[in-house]
Amino acid sequence: MQTPRDRSALASPRGLLERRAAVAPRRVRLPTDERRTLLLELGIRLFSTHSYEDISVDDVAVAAGMSKGLLYHYFKGKREFYVETIRAASLR
């Protein structure tokens, strides 16, 4: 059973942040070139098993473990991501 002190820690913003930190994996900041390479490798895997129409930007962001906004930092949109993925696959 929780004591009043335990309940207040969980109700406070700091307690909430501490619980989230214990559960959520820590995000790692990668160099731009390395992140882009990882995204293109992910694109090759996704587009080799699914059609262009079946994959959304949200799907790519979730699979990459990043926000959709960060994906737009690397690529202007889904079409550019697809074109760059095909280019990377052709250079293998």
C-alpha atoms as a PDB file:
ATOM      1  CA  MET A   1       0.000   0.000   0.000  1.00  0.00           C
ATOM      2  CA  GLN A   2       1.242   3.483  -0.863  1.00  0.00           C
ATOM      3  CA  THR A   3       1.831   5.996   1.854  1.00  0.00           C
ATOM      4  CA  PRO A   4       0.622   9.604   1.439  1.00  0.00           C
ATOM      5  CA  ARG A   5       4.211  10.572   0.675  1.00  0.00           C
ATOM      6  CA  ASP A   6       4.393   7.993  -2.161  1.00  0.00           C
ATOM      7  CA  ARG A   7       1.121   9.235  -3.672  1.00  0.00           C
ATOM      8  CA  SER A   8       2.247  12.864  -3.592  1.00  0.00           C
ATOM      9  CA  ALA A   9       5.503  11.968  -5.354  1.00  0.00           C
ATOM     10  CA  LEU A  10       3.570  10.268  -8.139  1.00  0.00           C
ATOM     11  CA  ALA A  11       1.155  13.175  -8.451  1.00  0.00           C
ATOM     12  CA  SER A  12       3.858  15.817  -8.742  1.00  0.00           C
ATOM     13  CA  PRO A  13       5.350  16.677 -12.122  1.00  0.00           C
ATOM     14  CA  ARG A  14       8.770  15.598 -10.922  1.00  0.00           C
ATOM     15  CA  GLY A  15       7.409  12.213  -9.851  1.00  0.00           C
ATOM     16  CA  LEU A  16       5.790  11.798 -13.260  1.00  0.00           C
ATOM     17  CA  LEU A  17       9.054  12.653 -15.035  1.00  0.00           C
ATOM     18  CA  GLU A  18      10.965  10.216 -12.866  1.00  0.00           C
ATOM     19  CA  ARG A  19       8.508   7.425 -13.707  1.00  0.00           C
ATOM     20  CA  ARG A  20       8.695   8.226 -17.429  1.00  0.00           C
ATOM     21  CA  ALA A  21      12.494   8.235 -17.311  1.00  0.00           C
ATOM     22  CA  ALA A  22      12.453   4.817 -15.683  1.00  0.00           C
ATOM     23  CA  VAL A  23      10.152   3.403 -18.384  1.00  0.00           C
ATOM     24  CA  ALA A  24      11.080   5.249 -21.594  1.00  0.00           C
ATOM     25  CA  PRO A  25      14.326   4.381 -23.362  1.00  0.00           C
ATOM     26  CA  ARG A  26      16.823   7.178 -23.562  1.00  0.00           C
ATOM     27  CA  ARG A  27      16.997   8.874 -26.944  1.00  0.00           C
ATOM     28  CA  VAL A  28      20.381   9.051 -28.556  1.00  0.00           C
ATOM     29  CA  ARG A  29      21.420  11.979 -30.735  1.00  0.00           C
ATOM     30  CA  LEU A  30      23.195  10.675 -33.808  1.00  0.00           C
ATOM     31  CA  PRO A  31      25.291  12.651 -36.268  1.00  0.00           C
ATOM     32  CA  THR A  32      23.238  13.817 -39.277  1.00  0.00           C
ATOM     33  CA  ASP A  33      24.960  11.556 -41.813  1.00  0.00           C
ATOM     34  CA  GLU A  34      24.630   8.493 -39.587  1.00  0.00           C
ATOM     35  CA  ARG A  35      20.928   9.123 -38.892  1.00  0.00           C
ATOM     36  CA  ARG A  36      20.250   9.665 -42.600  1.00  0.00           C
ATOM     37  CA  THR A  37      22.043   6.416 -43.477  1.00  0.00           C
ATOM     38  CA  LEU A  38      19.971   4.526 -40.893  1.00  0.00           C
ATOM     39  CA  LEU A  39      16.776   6.055 -42.288  1.00  0.00           C
ATOM     40  CA  LEU A  40      17.700   5.009 -45.820  1.00  0.00           C
ATOM     41  CA  GLU A  41      18.425   1.457 -44.640  1.00  0.00           C
ATOM     42  CA  LEU A  42      15.016   1.436 -42.963  1.00  0.00           C
ATOM     43  CA  GLY A  43      13.472   2.737 -46.195  1.00  0.00           C
ATOM     44  CA  ILE A  44      15.068  -0.087 -48.169  1.00  0.00           C
ATOM     45  CA  ARG A  45      13.585  -2.652 -45.774  1.00  0.00           C
ATOM     46  CA  LEU A  46      10.147  -1.007 -45.772  1.00  0.00           C
ATOM     47  CA  PHE A  47       9.843  -0.399 -49.521  1.00  0.00           C
ATOM     48  CA  SER A  48      11.138  -3.877 -50.363  1.00  0.00           C
ATOM     49  CA  THR A  49       8.236  -5.443 -48.462  1.00  0.00           C
ATOM     50  CA  HIS A  50       5.461  -2.852 -48.910  1.00  0.00           C
ATOM     51  CA  SER A  51       4.254  -0.692 -51.769  1.00  0.00           C
ATOM     52  CA  TYR A  52       4.760   3.072 -51.787  1.00  0.00           C
ATOM     53  CA  GLU A  53       1.044   3.645 -51.155  1.00  0.00           C
ATOM     54  CA  ASP A  54       0.995   1.323 -48.130  1.00  0.00           C
ATOM     55  CA  ILE A  55       3.631   3.258 -46.199  1.00  0.00           C
ATOM     56  CA  SER A  56       2.914   6.612 -44.569  1.00  0.00           C
ATOM     57  CA  VAL A  57       5.338   9.142 -43.109  1.00  0.00           C
ATOM     58  CA  ASP A  58       3.861   8.256 -39.718  1.00  0.00           C
ATOM     59  CA  ASP A  59       4.770   4.588 -40.310  1.00  0.00           C
ATOM     60  CA  VAL A  60       8.357   5.513 -41.144  1.00  0.00           C
ATOM     61  CA  ALA A  61       8.662   7.777 -38.112  1.00  0.00           C
ATOM     62  CA  VAL A  62       7.324   5.091 -35.764  1.00  0.00           C
ATOM     63  CA  ALA A  63       9.598   2.429 -37.265  1.00  0.00           C
ATOM     64  CA  ALA A  64      12.576   4.782 -36.902  1.00  0.00           C
ATOM     65  CA  GLY A  65      11.643   5.715 -33.334  1.00  0.00           C
ATOM     66  CA  MET A  66      11.504   9.426 -34.095  1.00  0.00           C
ATOM     67  CA  SER A  67       8.979  12.164 -34.534  1.00  0.00           C
ATOM     68  CA  LYS A  68       7.455  12.903 -37.898  1.00  0.00           C
ATOM     69  CA  GLY A  69       8.882  16.420 -37.678  1.00  0.00           C
ATOM     70  CA  LEU A  70      12.416  15.074 -37.346  1.00  0.00           C
ATOM     71  CA  LEU A  71      11.870  12.897 -40.402  1.00  0.00           C
ATOM     72  CA  TYR A  72      10.904  16.057 -42.310  1.00  0.00           C
ATOM     73  CA  HIS A  73      14.205  17.553 -41.171  1.00  0.00           C
ATOM     74  CA  TYR A  74      16.032  14.903 -43.201  1.00  0.00           C
ATOM     75  CA  PHE A  75      13.617  14.623 -46.158  1.00  0.00           C
ATOM     76  CA  LYS A  76      11.105  17.117 -47.573  1.00  0.00           C
ATOM     77  CA  GLY A  77       8.406  14.468 -47.673  1.00  0.00           C
ATOM     78  CA  LYS A  78       7.539  10.893 -48.451  1.00  0.00           C
ATOM     79  CA  ARG A  79       8.383  11.191 -52.140  1.00  0.00           C
ATOM     80  CA  GLU A  80      11.902  12.505 -51.467  1.00  0.00           C
ATOM     81  CA  PHE A  81      12.422   9.783 -48.853  1.00  0.00           C
ATOM     82  CA  TYR A  82      11.340   7.169 -51.406  1.00  0.00           C
ATOM     83  CA  VAL A  83      13.548   8.568 -54.194  1.00  0.00           C
ATOM     84  CA  GLU A  84      16.580   8.750 -51.916  1.00  0.00           C
ATOM     85  CA  THR A  85      15.889   5.221 -50.682  1.00  0.00           C
ATOM     86  CA  ILE A  86      15.803   3.897 -54.247  1.00  0.00           C
ATOM     87  CA  ARG A  87      19.006   5.808 -55.026  1.00  0.00           C
ATOM     88  CA  ALA A  88      20.739   4.337 -51.953  1.00  0.00           C
ATOM     89  CA  ALA A  89      19.553   0.827 -52.865  1.00  0.00           C
ATOM     90  CA  SER A  90      20.887   1.197 -56.408  1.00  0.00           C
ATOM     91  CA  LEU A  91      24.317   2.185 -55.096  1.00  0.00           C
ATOM     92  CA  ARG A  92      24.702  -0.958 -52.997  1.00  0.00           C
END
